[in-house]
Amino acid sequence: MKTILAGFLILGIGLFACGAPNSDKSIEAEKAEYAKEVRARQQPMIDELEGMLGADTKMTLFAINPTETGPKAVDEKWLGKKLFRGHIVRSSAPIEDGQEQAALIHALTDGMRETDGSVAECFEPYFGLTVERGDRKIDIVVCFSCLQAEVFGAYSDTGFILARTHADVFIASAKRHDLGLPFRDPNPIQPRQ
């Protein structure tokens, strides 16, 4: 029995080794196709978010606790603490400068355009963002660690995935408004050139 299992193991390793170059190319092609499909599915959300920018846009940036959560309702309190879509609010600030508003939105939309489709399962978000224009309102909870965001208000409740490349925009804005983020900023993300 051990001889038979060893034979299958050697045969499997041999087949894997012989097929590896073609498999790698095939896997890379599949990844590229998947990333293309993800970006295409997210285009309506990109359009929606970029369409929210204008002179009358109202925006609030939240520093939220990534691990303590309560009910996913807006502006509720849970155990005496203010919540933003189920996450305890550590601090928040209105973003009134149009250029800063655009930078935050484009950090999300550019990240959606650049995603390779990869995500992790953690969803421990540090940021929340509310964007309002006219009678439209979108709430976004963002986890740059797992590359996912939850969206409330646009296309009902949904989500998107993004690249980490623009997290520095959120970190800089949070620092500018002294939001006291709940993490030590080791600056692992290199600024864009």
Protein backbone atom coordinates (compact mmCIF):
# COMPACT_ATOMS: atom_id res chain seq x y z
CA MET A 1 0.00 0.00 0.00
CA LYS A 2 2.83 2.42 0.89
CA THR A 3 4.48 1.62 -2.44
CA ILE A 4 1.29 2.44 -4.34
CA LEU A 5 0.83 5.73 -2.44
CA ALA A 6 4.49 6.63 -3.02
CA GLY A 7 4.03 5.87 -6.73
CA PHE A 8 0.99 8.17 -6.96
CA LEU A 9 2.88 10.85 -5.07
CA ILE A 10 5.88 10.63 -7.43
CA LEU A 11 3.57 10.56 -10.47
CA GLY A 12 1.66 13.58 -9.15
CA ILE A 13 4.84 15.54 -8.52
CA GLY A 14 6.13 14.64 -11.97
CA LEU A 15 2.91 15.71 -13.68
CA PHE A 16 2.82 18.92 -11.66
CA ALA A 17 6.43 19.73 -12.51
CA CYS A 18 5.92 19.01 -16.21
CA GLY A 19 2.78 21.10 -16.37
CA ALA A 20 3.99 23.97 -14.21
CA PRO A 21 5.07 26.43 -16.93
CA ASN A 22 1.76 26.13 -18.76
CA SER A 23 -0.15 26.16 -15.48
CA ASP A 24 1.55 29.37 -14.34
CA LYS A 25 0.66 31.11 -17.61
CA SER A 26 -2.88 29.80 -17.39
CA ILE A 27 -3.25 30.91 -13.77
CA GLU A 28 -1.91 34.38 -14.58
CA ALA A 29 -4.31 34.66 -17.53
CA GLU A 30 -7.22 33.61 -15.32
CA LYS A 31 -6.22 36.14 -12.66
CA ALA A 32 -6.00 38.91 -15.25
CA GLU A 33 -9.41 37.99 -16.67
CA TYR A 34 -10.94 37.88 -13.19
CA ALA A 35 -9.48 41.31 -12.32
CA LYS A 36 -10.90 42.70 -15.56
CA GLU A 37 -14.35 41.29 -14.72
CA VAL A 38 -14.23 42.71 -11.18
CA ARG A 39 -13.28 46.17 -12.45
CA ALA A 40 -16.09 46.06 -15.03
CA ARG A 41 -18.67 45.08 -12.37
CA GLN A 42 -17.50 47.95 -10.18
CA GLN A 43 -17.72 50.63 -12.88
CA PRO A 44 -21.28 51.70 -11.92
CA MET A 45 -20.10 52.29 -8.35
CA ILE A 46 -17.12 54.28 -9.64
CA ASP A 47 -19.47 56.42 -11.72
CA GLU A 48 -21.83 56.88 -8.76
CA LEU A 49 -19.07 57.99 -6.39
CA GLU A 50 -17.42 60.34 -8.87
CA GLY A 51 -20.86 61.74 -9.69
CA MET A 52 -21.26 62.72 -6.03
CA LEU A 53 -18.50 65.33 -6.34
CA GLY A 54 -19.55 68.94 -6.79
CA ALA A 55 -19.68 72.34 -5.13
CA ASP A 56 -22.62 71.26 -2.96
CA THR A 57 -21.06 67.97 -1.74
CA LYS A 58 -21.04 67.31 1.99
CA MET A 59 -18.59 64.79 3.35
CA THR A 60 -17.63 63.39 6.76
CA LEU A 61 -14.58 61.23 7.44
CA PHE A 62 -14.75 58.81 10.37
CA ALA A 63 -12.03 57.02 12.31
CA ILE A 64 -13.75 53.87 13.47
CA ASN A 65 -12.83 51.04 15.74
CA PRO A 66 -12.20 48.03 13.52
CA THR A 67 -13.03 45.32 16.02
CA GLU A 68 -15.77 46.62 18.32
CA THR A 69 -19.07 46.52 16.50
CA GLY A 70 -22.74 46.93 17.21
CA PRO A 71 -25.93 47.04 15.10
CA LYS A 72 -25.35 48.27 11.52
CA ALA A 73 -27.56 51.33 11.69
CA VAL A 74 -26.62 54.94 11.09
CA ASP A 75 -26.24 57.42 13.94
CA GLU A 76 -27.33 54.95 16.57
CA LYS A 77 -25.68 54.48 19.89
CA TRP A 78 -24.65 51.15 21.29
CA LEU A 79 -23.59 50.82 24.89
CA GLY A 80 -23.38 54.61 25.01
CA LYS A 81 -21.04 54.85 22.00
CA LYS A 82 -21.86 56.43 18.64
CA LEU A 83 -21.93 54.01 15.72
CA PHE A 84 -21.25 54.43 12.03
CA ARG A 85 -22.75 51.49 10.16
CA GLY A 86 -22.16 49.21 13.07
CA HIS A 87 -18.64 50.36 13.93
CA ILE A 88 -17.85 52.43 17.00
CA VAL A 89 -16.83 55.96 16.02
CA ARG A 90 -13.55 57.05 17.57
CA SER A 91 -13.73 60.50 15.97
CA SER A 92 -15.02 62.26 12.88
CA ALA A 93 -14.55 65.48 10.94
CA PRO A 94 -16.41 67.24 8.16
CA ILE A 95 -14.36 67.46 4.96
CA GLU A 96 -15.26 70.83 3.49
CA ASP A 97 -12.41 71.44 1.05
CA GLY A 98 -13.42 70.36 -2.47
CA GLN A 99 -9.92 69.19 -3.36
CA GLU A 100 -9.72 67.00 -0.27
CA GLN A 101 -13.18 65.59 -1.01
CA ALA A 102 -12.08 64.76 -4.54
CA ALA A 103 -8.84 63.18 -3.28
CA LEU A 104 -10.77 60.87 -0.93
CA ILE A 105 -13.27 59.83 -3.60
CA HIS A 106 -10.52 59.28 -6.16
CA ALA A 107 -8.53 57.23 -3.63
CA LEU A 108 -11.50 54.84 -3.63
CA THR A 109 -12.33 54.93 -7.34
CA ASP A 110 -8.71 54.68 -8.47
CA GLY A 111 -8.29 51.78 -6.06
CA MET A 112 -11.32 50.09 -7.66
CA ARG A 113 -9.83 50.65 -11.11
CA GLU A 114 -6.48 49.18 -10.00
CA THR A 115 -7.71 46.12 -8.08
CA ASP A 116 -6.42 42.74 -9.13
CA GLY A 117 -9.44 41.11 -7.49
CA SER A 118 -7.56 40.01 -4.36
CA VAL A 119 -9.21 40.23 -0.96
CA ALA A 120 -8.65 38.89 2.52
CA GLU A 121 -11.32 37.89 5.01
CA CYS A 122 -10.47 40.12 7.96
CA PHE A 123 -12.67 43.19 7.37
CA GLU A 124 -11.36 45.31 10.22
CA PRO A 125 -12.02 48.80 8.84
CA TYR A 126 -10.43 51.93 10.26
CA PHE A 127 -12.26 54.41 8.04
CA GLY A 128 -15.81 55.45 7.32
CA LEU A 129 -16.96 58.07 4.85
CA THR A 130 -20.32 59.72 4.30
CA VAL A 131 -20.88 61.52 1.01
CA GLU A 132 -24.02 63.58 0.43
CA ARG A 133 -25.11 65.59 -2.58
CA GLY A 134 -28.65 66.80 -3.01
CA ASP A 135 -30.98 64.02 -1.91
CA ARG A 136 -28.36 61.28 -2.45
CA LYS A 137 -26.30 59.88 0.41
CA ILE A 138 -23.69 57.11 0.44
CA ASP A 139 -22.02 55.66 3.53
CA ILE A 140 -18.80 53.70 3.01
CA VAL A 141 -16.87 51.57 5.50
CA VAL A 142 -13.32 50.88 4.24
CA CYS A 143 -10.79 48.21 5.20
CA PHE A 144 -7.50 48.78 3.40
CA SER A 145 -6.09 45.67 5.08
CA CYS A 146 -8.41 43.23 3.35
CA LEU A 147 -9.07 45.54 0.37
CA GLN A 148 -12.85 45.63 0.82
CA ALA A 149 -15.47 48.27 1.44
CA GLU A 150 -19.11 48.07 2.45
CA VAL A 151 -21.41 50.60 0.81
CA PHE A 152 -24.81 51.69 2.07
CA GLY A 153 -27.17 53.82 0.03
CA ALA A 154 -25.94 53.28 -3.52
CA TYR A 155 -27.52 50.34 -5.32
CA SER A 156 -28.94 49.41 -1.90
CA ASP A 157 -26.37 47.83 0.42
CA THR A 158 -23.40 46.47 -1.48
CA GLY A 159 -19.64 46.57 -1.49
CA PHE A 160 -16.53 46.77 -3.61
CA ILE A 161 -12.91 45.75 -3.58
CA LEU A 162 -9.94 47.99 -4.16
CA ALA A 163 -6.17 48.19 -4.26
CA ARG A 164 -4.27 49.41 -1.21
CA THR A 165 -2.28 51.92 -3.30
CA HIS A 166 -4.31 54.94 -2.20
CA ALA A 167 -4.70 54.28 1.53
CA ASP A 168 -2.18 57.06 2.15
CA VAL A 169 -4.81 59.62 1.09
CA PHE A 170 -7.15 58.49 3.88
CA ILE A 171 -4.32 58.35 6.42
CA ALA A 172 -3.16 61.87 5.50
CA SER A 173 -6.69 63.26 5.73
CA ALA A 174 -7.26 61.58 9.11
CA LYS A 175 -3.99 63.05 10.39
CA ARG A 176 -4.85 66.49 8.98
CA HIS A 177 -8.12 66.46 10.96
CA ASP A 178 -6.53 64.95 14.08
CA LEU A 179 -8.83 61.94 14.11
CA GLY A 180 -6.57 59.91 16.40
CA LEU A 181 -6.50 56.71 14.42
CA PRO A 182 -6.54 53.48 16.45
CA PHE A 183 -3.42 52.12 14.83
CA ARG A 184 0.26 52.92 14.82
CA ASP A 185 1.15 54.24 11.36
CA PRO A 186 4.32 52.39 10.40
CA ASN A 187 3.92 53.94 6.93
CA PRO A 188 4.13 50.63 5.04
CA ILE A 189 2.51 52.19 1.99
CA GLN A 190 4.93 54.10 -0.18
CA PRO A 191 3.66 57.43 -1.55
CA ARG A 192 2.74 57.41 -5.22
CA GLN A 193 5.30 58.98 -7.53
